[in-house]
Amino acid sequence: MLRLFGPECNATPVDADKLGAVPEGAIWVDLLKPTKAEEALAEKFVGTNIPTREELSEIEPSSRLYQKNGAAFMTMSVLHGVAGGQPGSDPIGFILTEDHLVTVRYVDPKPFMIFADHVYAEPEIASISLPAISNSSASRSTTASSRRTNRVRGSPAISGSA
């Protein structure tokens, strides 16, 4: 299932075969058990590969956050099925670009349902929240990169020596 969130998106799942392209107003593309057509549409929209369930599952804990082709990728394991008495864990992938968020998942945990309901009720939440997240992430990434570079070069500000 493919859902689009943003000021110009409605509250119904989208048929990727009929859509052709993701609308410009979309900010968050949410893929739940995506078909090949949905995956391809999301990849075209954000300009990078969308990891499959197998790829998400194979990622080592130390590699669950990385950058590639200008996008930040994060994989996390989420608990689901607790309320139904059948708890389990499954990976969810997040791809954050400068302007968009793509989530790829194969379970529907309650926090996703709640947040989706909020965004559908107030679409401007997506247009305010996601750019702020992206800008904050980019700033932290730049700061972390600078710290690594300075540490390698032996910068006094980072190494503690005067």
Protein backbone atom coordinates (compact mmCIF):
# COMPACT_ATOMS: atom_id res chain seq x y z
CA MET A 1 0.00 0.00 0.00
CA LEU A 2 1.21 3.47 -0.88
CA ARG A 3 0.04 6.49 1.10
CA LEU A 4 1.01 10.09 0.49
CA PHE A 5 1.06 12.80 3.13
CA GLY A 6 1.22 16.52 2.54
CA PRO A 7 -0.97 19.55 1.94
CA GLU A 8 -2.11 18.43 -1.52
CA CYS A 9 -2.68 14.74 -0.69
CA ASN A 10 -5.91 13.03 0.29
CA ALA A 11 -6.49 10.33 2.89
CA THR A 12 -6.80 7.29 0.63
CA PRO A 13 -4.17 4.76 -0.43
CA VAL A 14 -2.83 5.41 -3.92
CA ASP A 15 -2.70 2.97 -6.85
CA ALA A 16 0.86 3.30 -8.14
CA ASP A 17 -0.07 1.80 -11.51
CA LYS A 18 -2.59 4.60 -12.12
CA LEU A 19 -0.68 7.46 -10.51
CA GLY A 20 2.35 7.71 -12.81
CA ALA A 21 4.18 10.17 -10.53
CA VAL A 22 4.00 11.30 -6.93
CA PRO A 23 2.32 14.74 -6.69
CA GLU A 24 4.59 17.70 -5.95
CA GLY A 25 2.75 18.42 -2.69
CA ALA A 26 3.70 15.06 -1.17
CA ILE A 27 6.17 15.30 1.67
CA TRP A 28 5.95 11.84 3.24
CA VAL A 29 5.63 8.69 1.12
CA ASP A 30 4.61 5.76 3.29
CA LEU A 31 5.07 2.26 1.84
CA LEU A 32 3.33 -0.59 3.66
CA LYS A 33 4.10 -4.00 2.13
CA PRO A 34 4.98 -2.23 -1.13
CA THR A 35 4.51 -3.75 -4.56
CA LYS A 36 7.27 -3.44 -7.15
CA ALA A 37 5.30 -0.61 -8.82
CA GLU A 38 4.98 1.29 -5.52
CA GLU A 39 8.67 0.83 -4.79
CA ALA A 40 9.62 2.06 -8.27
CA LEU A 41 7.39 5.12 -7.94
CA ALA A 42 8.91 6.04 -4.56
CA GLU A 43 12.45 5.49 -5.89
CA LYS A 44 11.76 7.79 -8.82
CA PHE A 45 10.31 10.41 -6.46
CA VAL A 46 13.26 10.57 -4.04
CA GLY A 47 15.98 9.57 -6.48
CA THR A 48 17.43 6.70 -4.50
CA ASN A 49 16.95 2.98 -3.91
CA ILE A 50 14.26 1.85 -1.47
CA PRO A 51 15.53 -1.10 0.61
CA THR A 52 13.52 -4.33 0.49
CA ARG A 53 12.37 -6.20 3.60
CA GLU A 54 15.29 -8.58 3.21
CA GLU A 55 17.76 -5.70 2.96
CA LEU A 56 16.25 -4.02 6.03
CA SER A 57 16.48 -7.28 7.99
CA GLU A 58 20.09 -7.94 7.00
CA ILE A 59 21.45 -4.59 8.18
CA GLU A 60 23.78 -4.98 11.16
CA PRO A 61 22.96 -2.85 14.22
CA SER A 62 26.16 -0.83 13.71
CA SER A 63 25.08 0.09 10.15
CA ARG A 64 21.48 1.12 10.77
CA LEU A 65 22.17 4.80 10.17
CA TYR A 66 24.05 5.91 7.07
CA GLN A 67 24.07 8.44 4.25
CA LYS A 68 24.04 7.64 0.54
CA ASN A 69 23.38 9.78 -2.54
CA GLY A 70 22.39 12.79 -0.43
CA ALA A 71 19.82 10.89 1.63
CA ALA A 72 19.94 9.74 5.25
CA PHE A 73 18.89 6.12 5.79
CA MET A 74 17.82 4.67 9.11
CA THR A 75 16.57 1.20 9.96
CA MET A 76 14.96 0.39 13.25
CA SER A 77 13.25 -2.64 14.71
CA VAL A 78 9.74 -2.00 16.00
CA LEU A 79 7.56 -3.98 18.33
CA HIS A 80 4.10 -4.80 17.00
CA GLY A 81 1.17 -7.07 17.79
CA VAL A 82 1.30 -6.57 21.55
CA ALA A 83 -2.35 -5.52 21.87
CA GLY A 84 -3.42 -8.60 19.89
CA GLY A 85 -1.40 -10.93 22.09
CA GLN A 86 1.07 -11.85 19.32
CA PRO A 87 4.08 -9.58 19.82
CA GLY A 88 6.80 -9.50 17.22
CA SER A 89 9.61 -7.34 15.91
CA ASP A 90 10.07 -6.13 12.35
CA PRO A 91 12.39 -3.61 10.64
CA ILE A 92 11.16 -0.26 9.35
CA GLY A 93 13.23 1.83 6.96
CA PHE A 94 13.33 5.63 6.91
CA ILE A 95 14.83 7.56 4.00
CA LEU A 96 15.13 11.28 4.59
CA THR A 97 16.09 13.66 1.79
CA GLU A 98 16.24 17.43 1.93
CA ASP A 99 12.53 17.70 1.11
CA HIS A 100 10.95 14.27 1.62
CA LEU A 101 10.56 11.32 3.94
CA VAL A 102 9.95 7.78 2.72
CA THR A 103 9.06 5.02 5.13
CA VAL A 104 9.08 1.37 4.11
CA ARG A 105 7.55 -1.19 6.42
CA TYR A 106 5.83 -4.55 6.44
CA VAL A 107 3.85 -4.14 9.67
CA ASP A 108 1.48 -1.40 10.82
CA PRO A 109 2.46 -0.45 14.37
CA LYS A 110 0.10 1.79 16.31
CA PRO A 111 2.34 4.92 16.34
CA PHE A 112 2.22 5.00 12.52
CA MET A 113 -1.56 4.77 12.52
CA ILE A 114 -1.88 7.54 15.12
CA PHE A 115 0.55 9.89 13.36
CA ALA A 116 -1.07 9.24 9.98
CA ASP A 117 -4.45 10.16 11.47
CA HIS A 118 -2.98 13.43 12.77
CA VAL A 119 -1.40 14.31 9.43
CA TYR A 120 -4.61 13.53 7.54
CA ALA A 121 -6.57 15.73 9.96
CA GLU A 122 -4.01 18.56 9.72
CA PRO A 123 -1.89 18.21 6.54
CA GLU A 124 0.23 21.23 7.44
CA ILE A 125 1.82 19.10 10.18
CA ALA A 126 3.79 17.31 7.46
CA SER A 127 4.79 20.52 5.71
CA ILE A 128 6.10 21.97 8.99
CA SER A 129 7.50 18.89 10.74
CA LEU A 130 9.42 17.11 8.00
CA PRO A 131 11.48 20.08 6.71
CA ALA A 132 12.37 20.89 10.33
CA ILE A 133 13.49 17.29 10.87
CA SER A 134 15.50 17.36 7.65
CA ASN A 135 17.20 20.66 8.48
CA SER A 136 17.98 19.52 12.02
CA SER A 137 19.37 16.19 10.75
CA ALA A 138 21.51 17.92 8.14
CA SER A 139 22.88 20.30 10.77
CA ARG A 140 23.74 17.44 13.14
CA SER A 141 25.30 15.46 10.30
CA THR A 142 27.50 18.42 9.32
CA THR A 143 28.51 18.96 12.96
CA ALA A 144 29.34 15.27 13.43
CA SER A 145 31.32 15.22 10.19
CA SER A 146 33.30 18.30 11.28
CA ARG A 147 34.05 16.70 14.64
CA ARG A 148 35.33 13.53 12.96
CA THR A 149 37.51 15.57 10.59
CA ASN A 150 38.90 17.69 13.42
CA ARG A 151 39.55 14.62 15.56
CA VAL A 152 41.52 13.04 12.73
CA ARG A 153 43.51 16.24 12.22
CA GLY A 154 44.14 16.58 15.97
CA SER A 155 42.20 19.82 16.44
CA PRO A 156 42.77 21.26 19.93
CA ALA A 157 39.09 22.14 20.27
CA ILE A 158 38.08 18.51 19.91
CA SER A 159 41.05 16.65 21.34
CA GLY A 160 41.14 18.73 24.51
CA SER A 161 44.75 19.81 24.13
CA ALA A 162 45.67 23.49 24.05
